[in-house]
Amino acid sequence: MSAGMQALFQAKLLAARGDAQQKMEEAIAMIGTGAAVQGTFIFCFMVIFTLLLFMRSAAYHRGQSPWENNKRR
C-alpha cells in the first residue's frame, strides 16, 4: 500500500464514529472490499487471457499458423 493510500485509510478510520470494535470492523470491511475488487480484476484478466489463448490455438488448428504462413512467402 502506498504512503498516500495508507494515510487516507488511517484518516478514514480515525474519523469513523464508534468505539475501537466498530472501527476495527470498518477496517475489516474496507480491506475485504479492496481484496474483492482486486480479485475480480485478476479474474477478468485471466478470463481474457484464456480466451485470447483459445482463439490463437483455434486459428492454429484451422491452418492459420503464423510460422507456416511465413514459410510460404
N, C-alpha and C. Protein backbone atom coordinates (compact mmCIF):
# COMPACT_ATOMS: atom_id res chain seq x y z
N MET A 1 0.86 -1.17 0.00
CA MET A 1 0.00 0.00 0.00
C MET A 1 0.91 1.23 0.00
N SER A 2 0.61 2.19 -0.82
CA SER A 2 1.41 3.40 -0.88
C SER A 2 1.18 4.26 0.37
N ALA A 3 2.10 5.17 0.60
CA ALA A 3 2.02 6.01 1.80
C ALA A 3 0.77 6.89 1.78
N GLY A 4 0.42 7.41 0.60
CA GLY A 4 -0.78 8.24 0.49
C GLY A 4 -2.05 7.46 0.78
N MET A 5 -2.13 6.25 0.24
CA MET A 5 -3.31 5.42 0.49
C MET A 5 -3.38 5.01 1.95
N GLN A 6 -2.22 4.73 2.54
CA GLN A 6 -2.22 4.34 3.95
C GLN A 6 -2.68 5.51 4.82
N ALA A 7 -2.23 6.73 4.51
CA ALA A 7 -2.65 7.90 5.27
C ALA A 7 -4.16 8.13 5.12
N LEU A 8 -4.67 7.95 3.91
CA LEU A 8 -6.11 8.09 3.67
C LEU A 8 -6.90 7.03 4.44
N PHE A 9 -6.40 5.82 4.43
CA PHE A 9 -7.02 4.71 5.15
C PHE A 9 -7.07 5.00 6.65
N GLN A 10 -5.94 5.48 7.20
CA GLN A 10 -5.89 5.79 8.63
C GLN A 10 -6.81 6.96 8.98
N ALA A 11 -6.84 7.99 8.12
CA ALA A 11 -7.69 9.14 8.39
C ALA A 11 -9.17 8.74 8.38
N LYS A 12 -9.54 7.86 7.45
CA LYS A 12 -10.93 7.41 7.39
C LYS A 12 -11.29 6.63 8.65
N LEU A 13 -10.38 5.80 9.11
CA LEU A 13 -10.66 5.02 10.32
C LEU A 13 -10.73 5.90 11.56
N LEU A 14 -9.83 6.88 11.65
CA LEU A 14 -9.84 7.76 12.82
C LEU A 14 -11.09 8.63 12.84
N ALA A 15 -11.61 8.98 11.66
CA ALA A 15 -12.79 9.83 11.60
C ALA A 15 -14.08 9.04 11.79
N ALA A 16 -14.00 7.73 11.73
CA ALA A 16 -15.21 6.91 11.88
C ALA A 16 -15.76 7.02 13.30
N ARG A 17 -17.07 6.93 13.40
CA ARG A 17 -17.71 7.01 14.71
C ARG A 17 -17.64 5.66 15.40
N GLY A 18 -17.77 5.69 16.70
CA GLY A 18 -17.86 4.45 17.45
C GLY A 18 -16.59 4.13 18.21
N ASP A 19 -16.64 3.01 18.89
CA ASP A 19 -15.50 2.60 19.71
C ASP A 19 -14.50 1.82 18.85
N ALA A 20 -13.50 1.27 19.52
CA ALA A 20 -12.44 0.56 18.80
C ALA A 20 -12.97 -0.65 18.05
N GLN A 21 -13.94 -1.33 18.61
CA GLN A 21 -14.51 -2.52 17.96
C GLN A 21 -15.18 -2.14 16.64
N GLN A 22 -15.95 -1.05 16.63
CA GLN A 22 -16.61 -0.62 15.41
C GLN A 22 -15.59 -0.15 14.37
N LYS A 23 -14.54 0.52 14.83
CA LYS A 23 -13.50 0.97 13.90
C LYS A 23 -12.77 -0.23 13.29
N MET A 24 -12.54 -1.26 14.11
CA MET A 24 -11.89 -2.45 13.60
C MET A 24 -12.78 -3.15 12.56
N GLU A 25 -14.07 -3.20 12.81
CA GLU A 25 -14.99 -3.79 11.84
C GLU A 25 -15.02 -2.99 10.54
N GLU A 26 -14.94 -1.67 10.66
CA GLU A 26 -14.87 -0.82 9.47
C GLU A 26 -13.60 -1.11 8.68
N ALA A 27 -12.48 -1.28 9.37
CA ALA A 27 -11.22 -1.60 8.69
C ALA A 27 -11.31 -2.94 7.99
N ILE A 28 -11.90 -3.92 8.64
CA ILE A 28 -12.04 -5.25 8.03
C ILE A 28 -12.91 -5.16 6.78
N ALA A 29 -13.98 -4.38 6.84
CA ALA A 29 -14.86 -4.22 5.68
C ALA A 29 -14.12 -3.54 4.52
N MET A 30 -13.31 -2.52 4.84
CA MET A 30 -12.57 -1.82 3.79
C MET A 30 -11.53 -2.74 3.15
N ILE A 31 -10.84 -3.53 3.97
CA ILE A 31 -9.83 -4.45 3.43
C ILE A 31 -10.52 -5.52 2.58
N GLY A 32 -11.64 -6.03 3.05
CA GLY A 32 -12.37 -7.05 2.29
C GLY A 32 -12.87 -6.53 0.96
N THR A 33 -13.33 -5.28 0.95
CA THR A 33 -13.79 -4.68 -0.31
C THR A 33 -12.64 -4.53 -1.29
N GLY A 34 -11.49 -4.07 -0.79
CA GLY A 34 -10.32 -3.93 -1.65
C GLY A 34 -9.87 -5.27 -2.21
N ALA A 35 -9.88 -6.30 -1.38
CA ALA A 35 -9.48 -7.63 -1.84
C ALA A 35 -10.47 -8.16 -2.87
N ALA A 36 -11.75 -7.89 -2.68
CA ALA A 36 -12.75 -8.36 -3.64
C ALA A 36 -12.58 -7.67 -4.99
N VAL A 37 -12.30 -6.38 -4.97
CA VAL A 37 -12.10 -5.64 -6.23
C VAL A 37 -10.85 -6.16 -6.94
N GLN A 38 -9.78 -6.36 -6.18
CA GLN A 38 -8.55 -6.87 -6.78
C GLN A 38 -8.75 -8.28 -7.33
N GLY A 39 -9.45 -9.12 -6.60
CA GLY A 39 -9.72 -10.47 -7.07
C GLY A 39 -10.56 -10.49 -8.32
N THR A 40 -11.54 -9.60 -8.40
CA THR A 40 -12.38 -9.51 -9.60
C THR A 40 -11.55 -9.07 -10.80
N PHE A 41 -10.66 -8.11 -10.59
CA PHE A 41 -9.80 -7.64 -11.67
C PHE A 41 -8.90 -8.76 -12.18
N ILE A 42 -8.30 -9.50 -11.27
CA ILE A 42 -7.42 -10.60 -11.67
C ILE A 42 -8.21 -11.68 -12.39
N PHE A 43 -9.42 -11.98 -11.90
CA PHE A 43 -10.26 -12.99 -12.56
C PHE A 43 -10.58 -12.57 -13.99
N CYS A 44 -10.97 -11.31 -14.18
CA CYS A 44 -11.30 -10.82 -15.53
C CYS A 44 -10.07 -10.89 -16.44
N PHE A 45 -8.91 -10.53 -15.92
CA PHE A 45 -7.67 -10.60 -16.70
C PHE A 45 -7.39 -12.04 -17.13
N MET A 46 -7.56 -12.98 -16.22
CA MET A 46 -7.30 -14.38 -16.54
C MET A 46 -8.30 -14.92 -17.57
N VAL A 47 -9.57 -14.50 -17.47
CA VAL A 47 -10.57 -14.92 -18.45
C VAL A 47 -10.21 -14.39 -19.83
N ILE A 48 -9.84 -13.12 -19.92
CA ILE A 48 -9.48 -12.53 -21.21
C ILE A 48 -8.24 -13.22 -21.77
N PHE A 49 -7.24 -13.47 -20.93
CA PHE A 49 -6.02 -14.14 -21.37
C PHE A 49 -6.35 -15.54 -21.90
N THR A 50 -7.20 -16.27 -21.19
CA THR A 50 -7.58 -17.62 -21.61
C THR A 50 -8.33 -17.59 -22.95
N LEU A 51 -9.22 -16.62 -23.12
CA LEU A 51 -9.94 -16.51 -24.39
C LEU A 51 -9.00 -16.19 -25.55
N LEU A 52 -8.05 -15.29 -25.31
CA LEU A 52 -7.09 -14.97 -26.36
C LEU A 52 -6.24 -16.18 -26.72
N LEU A 53 -5.83 -16.93 -25.71
CA LEU A 53 -5.05 -18.14 -25.95
C LEU A 53 -5.87 -19.17 -26.73
N PHE A 54 -7.13 -19.32 -26.36
CA PHE A 54 -8.01 -20.25 -27.07
C PHE A 54 -8.20 -19.82 -28.53
N MET A 55 -8.39 -18.52 -28.75
CA MET A 55 -8.56 -18.03 -30.12
C MET A 55 -7.31 -18.30 -30.95
N ARG A 56 -6.13 -18.13 -30.33
CA ARG A 56 -4.88 -18.37 -31.04
C ARG A 56 -4.73 -19.85 -31.39
N SER A 57 -5.07 -20.72 -30.43
CA SER A 57 -4.95 -22.15 -30.70
C SER A 57 -5.98 -22.59 -31.74
N ALA A 58 -7.17 -22.02 -31.72
CA ALA A 58 -8.19 -22.36 -32.71
C ALA A 58 -7.73 -21.93 -34.10
N ALA A 59 -7.11 -20.77 -34.21
CA ALA A 59 -6.60 -20.31 -35.50
C ALA A 59 -5.48 -21.23 -35.99
N TYR A 60 -4.65 -21.69 -35.07
CA TYR A 60 -3.56 -22.60 -35.43
C TYR A 60 -4.12 -23.91 -35.99
N HIS A 61 -5.16 -24.43 -35.37
CA HIS A 61 -5.74 -25.69 -35.81
C HIS A 61 -6.53 -25.54 -37.11
N ARG A 62 -6.91 -24.32 -37.46
CA ARG A 62 -7.57 -24.08 -38.75
C ARG A 62 -6.56 -23.89 -39.87
N GLY A 63 -5.28 -23.97 -39.54
CA GLY A 63 -4.25 -23.82 -40.56
C GLY A 63 -3.79 -22.40 -40.75
N GLN A 64 -4.03 -21.54 -39.80
CA GLN A 64 -3.61 -20.15 -39.91
C GLN A 64 -2.42 -19.88 -38.99
N SER A 65 -1.46 -20.77 -39.03
CA SER A 65 -0.29 -20.62 -38.17
C SER A 65 0.62 -19.52 -38.72
N PRO A 66 1.09 -18.61 -37.90
CA PRO A 66 1.98 -17.55 -38.40
C PRO A 66 3.32 -18.11 -38.87
N TRP A 67 3.76 -19.24 -38.31
CA TRP A 67 5.03 -19.82 -38.71
C TRP A 67 4.92 -20.44 -40.10
N GLU A 68 3.82 -21.15 -40.36
CA GLU A 68 3.64 -21.76 -41.67
C GLU A 68 3.39 -20.70 -42.75
N ASN A 69 2.71 -19.62 -42.40
CA ASN A 69 2.46 -18.56 -43.37
C ASN A 69 3.77 -17.88 -43.77
N ASN A 70 4.71 -17.76 -42.85
CA ASN A 70 5.99 -17.15 -43.18
C ASN A 70 6.80 -18.05 -44.10
N LYS A 71 6.67 -19.36 -43.97
CA LYS A 71 7.41 -20.28 -44.83
C LYS A 71 6.89 -20.23 -46.26
N ARG A 72 5.62 -19.96 -46.44
CA ARG A 72 5.02 -19.96 -47.78
C ARG A 72 5.41 -18.73 -48.59
N ARG A 73 5.80 -17.68 -47.93
CA ARG A 73 6.10 -16.43 -48.65
C ARG A 73 7.43 -16.50 -49.35
